[in-house]
Amino acid sequence: MTSRNEYTMEQWQALRTAPQLVAIATAAAGNSGLFGSLGEGMATASAIAEALRDEHPLLREVFTKDDMQAAQDDIRVTIGDVTSQAVLNEHLQGATARTVTAALAALAAKGAAGEAEAYTTLLKGIAEKVANASKEGDFLGFGGERVSEPERAFLASLHELLG
């Protein structure tokens, strides 16, 4: 098992930032509105709580208070001044793909197969929980669909990336 100290700063930055980017990119793809966003936030918190109980210390290290704050700061820089929803989605999905790829490469470079599998499962779980957290396109709770087409497209690309 590896720990934070075995990774370069760039590798660690990717490892700690990818889970939050996955959550934000999934939520942004769905454009769920206020109540949907609250549900997606709760789904993310639930996935983080599960990771904190995981048997792999690396997953617990990714979600320390300081590393979560640093990841959020990294994401703010990544997003920058993007204001258009369509541009934001594209920007977030690209940043997520690059960051996830870097995180997986870092794990592979250390030969951390068990941790890579747990990390991949974590990322898939976050995306699935966020996508299923609220209905898209509903009106006052009526109608809509659990996972929207843009979310399905993002999930498919993420699953392809994660293998």
C-alpha atoms as a PDB file:
ATOM      1  CA  MET A   1       0.000   0.000   0.000  1.00  0.00           C
ATOM      2  CA  THR A   2       1.188   3.463  -0.841  1.00  0.00           C
ATOM      3  CA  SER A   3       0.839   6.719   1.014  1.00  0.00           C
ATOM      4  CA  ARG A   4       0.787  10.368   0.096  1.00  0.00           C
ATOM      5  CA  ASN A   5       4.520  10.754   0.732  1.00  0.00           C
ATOM      6  CA  GLU A   6       5.368   8.366  -2.120  1.00  0.00           C
ATOM      7  CA  TYR A   7       3.836  10.608  -4.796  1.00  0.00           C
ATOM      8  CA  THR A   8       5.156  13.766  -6.387  1.00  0.00           C
ATOM      9  CA  MET A   9       3.206  16.959  -5.761  1.00  0.00           C
ATOM     10  CA  GLU A  10       1.695  16.783  -9.257  1.00  0.00           C
ATOM     11  CA  GLN A  11       0.665  13.147  -8.781  1.00  0.00           C
ATOM     12  CA  TRP A  12      -0.862  13.874  -5.386  1.00  0.00           C
ATOM     13  CA  GLN A  13      -2.693  16.898  -6.775  1.00  0.00           C
ATOM     14  CA  ALA A  14      -4.324  14.669  -9.410  1.00  0.00           C
ATOM     15  CA  LEU A  15      -5.202  11.973  -6.858  1.00  0.00           C
ATOM     16  CA  ARG A  16      -6.848  14.394  -4.444  1.00  0.00           C
ATOM     17  CA  THR A  17      -8.615  16.510  -7.082  1.00  0.00           C
ATOM     18  CA  ALA A  18     -10.059  13.821  -9.384  1.00  0.00           C
ATOM     19  CA  PRO A  19     -12.856  12.667  -7.026  1.00  0.00           C
ATOM     20  CA  GLN A  20     -14.209  16.181  -6.563  1.00  0.00           C
ATOM     21  CA  LEU A  21     -13.888  16.949 -10.266  1.00  0.00           C
ATOM     22  CA  VAL A  22     -15.838  13.771 -11.069  1.00  0.00           C
ATOM     23  CA  ALA A  23     -18.609  14.883  -8.699  1.00  0.00           C
ATOM     24  CA  ILE A  24     -18.749  18.433 -10.061  1.00  0.00           C
ATOM     25  CA  ALA A  25     -18.574  17.390 -13.722  1.00  0.00           C
ATOM     26  CA  THR A  26     -21.360  14.837 -13.214  1.00  0.00           C
ATOM     27  CA  ALA A  27     -23.541  17.396 -11.439  1.00  0.00           C
ATOM     28  CA  ALA A  28     -22.872  20.055 -14.061  1.00  0.00           C
ATOM     29  CA  ALA A  29     -23.760  17.632 -16.870  1.00  0.00           C
ATOM     30  CA  GLY A  30     -27.207  17.171 -15.323  1.00  0.00           C
ATOM     31  CA  ASN A  31     -27.979  20.804 -14.554  1.00  0.00           C
ATOM     32  CA  SER A  32     -30.390  19.771 -11.785  1.00  0.00           C
ATOM     33  CA  GLY A  33     -31.379  23.098 -10.322  1.00  0.00           C
ATOM     34  CA  LEU A  34     -31.236  24.070  -6.648  1.00  0.00           C
ATOM     35  CA  PHE A  35     -32.879  21.036  -5.047  1.00  0.00           C
ATOM     36  CA  GLY A  36     -31.140  18.626  -7.383  1.00  0.00           C
ATOM     37  CA  SER A  37     -27.809  20.230  -6.591  1.00  0.00           C
ATOM     38  CA  LEU A  38     -28.468  19.756  -2.887  1.00  0.00           C
ATOM     39  CA  GLY A  39     -29.132  16.066  -3.471  1.00  0.00           C
ATOM     40  CA  GLU A  40     -25.993  15.755  -5.571  1.00  0.00           C
ATOM     41  CA  GLY A  41     -23.980  17.425  -2.828  1.00  0.00           C
ATOM     42  CA  MET A  42     -25.348  14.950  -0.314  1.00  0.00           C
ATOM     43  CA  ALA A  43     -24.494  12.069  -2.647  1.00  0.00           C
ATOM     44  CA  THR A  44     -20.922  13.343  -2.895  1.00  0.00           C
ATOM     45  CA  ALA A  45     -20.688  13.633   0.888  1.00  0.00           C
ATOM     46  CA  SER A  46     -21.968  10.073   1.232  1.00  0.00           C
ATOM     47  CA  ALA A  47     -19.324   8.767  -1.184  1.00  0.00           C
ATOM     48  CA  ILE A  48     -16.611  10.636   0.714  1.00  0.00           C
ATOM     49  CA  ALA A  49     -17.843   9.188   4.016  1.00  0.00           C
ATOM     50  CA  GLU A  50     -17.593   5.699   2.506  1.00  0.00           C
ATOM     51  CA  ALA A  51     -14.036   6.389   1.334  1.00  0.00           C
ATOM     52  CA  LEU A  52     -13.072   7.511   4.826  1.00  0.00           C
ATOM     53  CA  ARG A  53     -14.075   4.042   6.067  1.00  0.00           C
ATOM     54  CA  ASP A  54     -12.240   2.222   3.267  1.00  0.00           C
ATOM     55  CA  GLU A  55      -9.502  -0.303   4.031  1.00  0.00           C
ATOM     56  CA  HIS A  56      -7.036   1.555   1.777  1.00  0.00           C
ATOM     57  CA  PRO A  57      -5.271   4.328   3.720  1.00  0.00           C
ATOM     58  CA  LEU A  58      -4.586   6.190   0.468  1.00  0.00           C
ATOM     59  CA  LEU A  59      -8.307   6.767  -0.089  1.00  0.00           C
ATOM     60  CA  ARG A  60      -8.635   8.134   3.422  1.00  0.00           C
ATOM     61  CA  GLU A  61      -5.655  10.440   2.834  1.00  0.00           C
ATOM     62  CA  VAL A  62      -7.266  11.867  -0.313  1.00  0.00           C
ATOM     63  CA  PHE A  63     -10.132  13.169   1.825  1.00  0.00           C
ATOM     64  CA  THR A  64      -8.342  14.879   4.698  1.00  0.00           C
ATOM     65  CA  LYS A  65      -9.710  18.325   5.429  1.00  0.00           C
ATOM     66  CA  ASP A  66      -6.600  20.078   4.088  1.00  0.00           C
ATOM     67  CA  ASP A  67      -6.480  17.987   0.915  1.00  0.00           C
ATOM     68  CA  MET A  68     -10.176  18.506   0.224  1.00  0.00           C
ATOM     69  CA  GLN A  69      -9.697  22.262   0.595  1.00  0.00           C
ATOM     70  CA  ALA A  70      -6.644  22.179  -1.668  1.00  0.00           C
ATOM     71  CA  ALA A  71      -8.608  20.203  -4.259  1.00  0.00           C
ATOM     72  CA  GLN A  72     -11.397  22.780  -4.160  1.00  0.00           C
ATOM     73  CA  ASP A  73      -8.828  25.533  -4.663  1.00  0.00           C
ATOM     74  CA  ASP A  74      -7.368  23.613  -7.625  1.00  0.00           C
ATOM     75  CA  ILE A  75     -10.845  23.301  -9.133  1.00  0.00           C
ATOM     76  CA  ARG A  76     -11.539  27.029  -8.721  1.00  0.00           C
ATOM     77  CA  VAL A  77      -8.367  27.748 -10.683  1.00  0.00           C
ATOM     78  CA  THR A  78      -9.367  25.168 -13.306  1.00  0.00           C
ATOM     79  CA  ILE A  79     -12.807  26.699 -13.748  1.00  0.00           C
ATOM     80  CA  GLY A  80     -11.453  30.222 -13.837  1.00  0.00           C
ATOM     81  CA  ASP A  81     -13.861  32.799 -15.225  1.00  0.00           C
ATOM     82  CA  VAL A  82     -16.024  30.403 -17.255  1.00  0.00           C
ATOM     83  CA  THR A  83     -19.631  31.573 -17.034  1.00  0.00           C
ATOM     84  CA  SER A  84     -21.450  29.818 -19.885  1.00  0.00           C
ATOM     85  CA  GLN A  85     -23.033  26.518 -18.763  1.00  0.00           C
ATOM     86  CA  ALA A  86     -22.192  24.759 -22.039  1.00  0.00           C
ATOM     87  CA  VAL A  87     -18.574  25.946 -21.949  1.00  0.00           C
ATOM     88  CA  LEU A  88     -18.343  25.083 -18.249  1.00  0.00           C
ATOM     89  CA  ASN A  89     -19.547  21.510 -18.859  1.00  0.00           C
ATOM     90  CA  GLU A  90     -17.055  20.996 -21.672  1.00  0.00           C
ATOM     91  CA  HIS A  91     -14.263  22.561 -19.619  1.00  0.00           C
ATOM     92  CA  LEU A  92     -15.069  20.454 -16.538  1.00  0.00           C
ATOM     93  CA  GLN A  93     -15.300  17.233 -18.513  1.00  0.00           C
ATOM     94  CA  GLY A  94     -11.947  17.873 -20.177  1.00  0.00           C
ATOM     95  CA  ALA A  95     -10.293  18.756 -16.873  1.00  0.00           C
ATOM     96  CA  THR A  96     -11.823  15.665 -15.273  1.00  0.00           C
ATOM     97  CA  ALA A  97     -10.514  13.386 -18.029  1.00  0.00           C
ATOM     98  CA  ARG A  98      -7.001  14.859 -17.774  1.00  0.00           C
ATOM     99  CA  THR A  99      -6.958  14.679 -13.973  1.00  0.00           C
ATOM    100  CA  VAL A 100      -8.350  11.141 -13.779  1.00  0.00           C
ATOM    101  CA  THR A 101      -5.797  10.003 -16.375  1.00  0.00           C
ATOM    102  CA  ALA A 102      -2.981  11.584 -14.351  1.00  0.00           C
ATOM    103  CA  ALA A 103      -4.259  10.005 -11.110  1.00  0.00           C
ATOM    104  CA  LEU A 104      -4.468   6.544 -12.674  1.00  0.00           C
ATOM    105  CA  ALA A 105      -0.980   6.968 -14.171  1.00  0.00           C
ATOM    106  CA  ALA A 106       0.358   7.896 -10.728  1.00  0.00           C
ATOM    107  CA  LEU A 107      -1.118   4.744  -9.205  1.00  0.00           C
ATOM    108  CA  ALA A 108       0.186   2.603 -12.073  1.00  0.00           C
ATOM    109  CA  ALA A 109       3.685   4.097 -11.698  1.00  0.00           C
ATOM    110  CA  LYS A 110       3.743   2.927  -8.074  1.00  0.00           C
ATOM    111  CA  GLY A 111       2.461  -0.530  -8.950  1.00  0.00           C
ATOM    112  CA  ALA A 112      -0.476   0.038  -6.605  1.00  0.00           C
ATOM    113  CA  ALA A 113      -2.914  -2.349  -8.318  1.00  0.00           C
ATOM    114  CA  GLY A 114      -5.180  -2.816  -5.284  1.00  0.00           C
ATOM    115  CA  GLU A 115      -5.330   0.888  -4.630  1.00  0.00           C
ATOM    116  CA  ALA A 116      -5.902   1.618  -8.319  1.00  0.00           C
ATOM    117  CA  GLU A 117      -8.885  -0.730  -8.295  1.00  0.00           C
ATOM    118  CA  ALA A 118     -10.265   0.841  -5.110  1.00  0.00           C
ATOM    119  CA  TYR A 119      -9.682   4.342  -6.513  1.00  0.00           C
ATOM    120  CA  THR A 120     -11.411   3.458  -9.785  1.00  0.00           C
ATOM    121  CA  THR A 121     -14.348   2.019  -7.846  1.00  0.00           C
ATOM    122  CA  LEU A 122     -14.471   5.211  -5.781  1.00  0.00           C
ATOM    123  CA  LEU A 123     -14.601   7.445  -8.861  1.00  0.00           C
ATOM    124  CA  LYS A 124     -17.270   5.317 -10.537  1.00  0.00           C
ATOM    125  CA  GLY A 125     -19.276   5.291  -7.298  1.00  0.00           C
ATOM    126  CA  ILE A 126     -19.126   9.058  -6.929  1.00  0.00           C
ATOM    127  CA  ALA A 127     -20.297   9.585 -10.508  1.00  0.00           C
ATOM    128  CA  GLU A 128     -23.141   7.055 -10.192  1.00  0.00           C
ATOM    129  CA  LYS A 129     -24.345   8.460  -6.861  1.00  0.00           C
ATOM    130  CA  VAL A 130     -24.326  12.036  -8.119  1.00  0.00           C
ATOM    131  CA  ALA A 131     -26.049  11.129 -11.383  1.00  0.00           C
ATOM    132  CA  ASN A 132     -28.787   9.233  -9.533  1.00  0.00           C
ATOM    133  CA  ALA A 133     -29.219  11.793  -6.744  1.00  0.00           C
ATOM    134  CA  SER A 134     -31.961  13.803  -8.401  1.00  0.00           C
ATOM    135  CA  LYS A 135     -34.317  13.867 -11.337  1.00  0.00           C
ATOM    136  CA  GLU A 136     -33.521  16.000 -14.335  1.00  0.00           C
ATOM    137  CA  GLY A 137     -36.210  17.919 -16.178  1.00  0.00           C
ATOM    138  CA  ASP A 138     -38.925  17.544 -13.550  1.00  0.00           C
ATOM    139  CA  PHE A 139     -41.382  20.166 -12.395  1.00  0.00           C
ATOM    140  CA  LEU A 140     -42.043  20.307  -8.650  1.00  0.00           C
ATOM    141  CA  GLY A 141     -41.028  16.658  -8.373  1.00  0.00           C
ATOM    142  CA  PHE A 142     -43.220  15.401 -11.217  1.00  0.00           C
ATOM    143  CA  GLY A 143     -41.866  13.871 -14.393  1.00  0.00           C
ATOM    144  CA  GLY A 144     -38.272  14.033 -15.404  1.00  0.00           C
ATOM    145  CA  GLU A 145     -35.714  11.257 -15.528  1.00  0.00           C
ATOM    146  CA  ARG A 146     -33.284   9.943 -12.934  1.00  0.00           C
ATOM    147  CA  VAL A 147     -30.201  10.222 -15.165  1.00  0.00           C
ATOM    148  CA  SER A 148     -30.297  12.702 -18.036  1.00  0.00           C
ATOM    149  CA  GLU A 149     -28.800  12.090 -21.459  1.00  0.00           C
ATOM    150  CA  PRO A 150     -25.852  14.464 -20.826  1.00  0.00           C
ATOM    151  CA  GLU A 151     -25.151  12.633 -17.549  1.00  0.00           C
ATOM    152  CA  ARG A 152     -25.333   9.262 -19.322  1.00  0.00           C
ATOM    153  CA  ALA A 153     -22.873  10.528 -21.937  1.00  0.00           C
ATOM    154  CA  PHE A 154     -20.478  11.766 -19.251  1.00  0.00           C
ATOM    155  CA  LEU A 155     -20.798   8.508 -17.284  1.00  0.00           C
ATOM    156  CA  ALA A 156     -20.058   6.496 -20.439  1.00  0.00           C
ATOM    157  CA  SER A 157     -16.932   8.529 -21.188  1.00  0.00           C
ATOM    158  CA  LEU A 158     -15.791   8.248 -17.567  1.00  0.00           C
ATOM    159  CA  HIS A 159     -16.355   4.479 -17.486  1.00  0.00           C
ATOM    160  CA  GLU A 160     -14.415   4.135 -20.736  1.00  0.00           C
ATOM    161  CA  LEU A 161     -11.568   6.131 -19.235  1.00  0.00           C
ATOM    162  CA  LEU A 162     -11.601   4.087 -16.026  1.00  0.00           C
ATOM    163  CA  GLY A 163     -11.818   0.748 -17.848  1.00  0.00           C
END
